[in-house]
Amino acid sequence: MSSSSRSIAIVGAGLIGTPIARALLKAPQKPKVIILTRPESTGKSLPDDLSSIPTVPVDYTDVAALSKVFKDHSVNVVVSTLPGGGLKAQYSLADAAKASGSVKLFVPSEWGLPTEGAKGRGESNLFAVKDEFVEYLKSIQLPFTRFYTGFFFGGLPWLVGIEVNGKVNVLGKGETPFSVTSEADIGGFTAHVLTSLPLDSPHLVNQSLRLEGERLTFHDLARIYEKSIAFVPEGEQVPGNTEGERQFKTALQTEAEAGRSSTGFNRATWKEEGTAGSTNGLWEGHVWDKVKKTD
């Protein structure tokens, strides 16, 4: 299959689906791209620069309907960008992809910290939910590629609670390095490898691609943002506007403080393997974005 005839379906066009779609439109290989949306989302329009991409409303739980969409559009790659609350729908998407006969590669919704090994360790969290789904992909023999990105640039001010008190709120010492990658680089890298490599490439099939645009600590963030540091007292949560926000920020910073927010961390061996950014080289010659001061 030539890359110019490749057809890619993006499931969802939110925080990470949008930059992936944008990068695919600019890809030299000019792949065919469609965006799958839930029927109740039909009133939401794409950004103007993505208006040329067809959107297909479909029930994510309807295997037959999904399979028909994949067949009708000769989809070769399914890229899931579903948020945590919608991950259960990936099982129907996978079944439909397998049944279609056209889909050769499934990209599960990872787009964050490494997850493999979480299920085997008996974790009961979002990492385990994502890891369990990949085990399902293996069981139905549907090739997959995971993308580990670390934290998104755009989410860093929120993660440290700047919007609450104007400070970089830090859980623990804040001296442990973690991985961060810009949304634009995530989109660009994803589009590049999915259009320039054969879909049966050993770089893609059943692989985990470990990106890292930059390696920082929370002290580095405070310096870059020119903000003072506020250390969160032991037993308290990172500031947020809701209880859910506070819990989520605290959980993420706990991972960072323990060194598990590096894309080189392995949850199976429970240690840093030194592989953060090890697949950046697949985007040869690219200059990765660096975190800059926020407005």
Foldseek 3Di string as FASTA:
>chain_A
DALLAAEEEEEDCPDQNVLLLLLLCVDPSNYQYAYEYAPVCVVDDHPPSNNVHHYDHDDLQDLVRLLVVCLVRLHAEYAYQDDLVPQVSVVSNLSSLLVNVRHQEYEHRDAAFAQAQCVVVVHDDSSNSRNVVVVVCVVSVRWYEYEYAFAELVCQCLLQPCVPPNAREAEDPQPFKAFYAYSNVSSNVVSCCSRVDDSPDPCTTNYYQAAGLDIDTSVVVCVQQVHHYDYDPPPAFRDDDDPVSRVVSRVSSVCRVLNRRANQADNNVRGRPVCHRVNVCSVPPDRGDDRHHDD
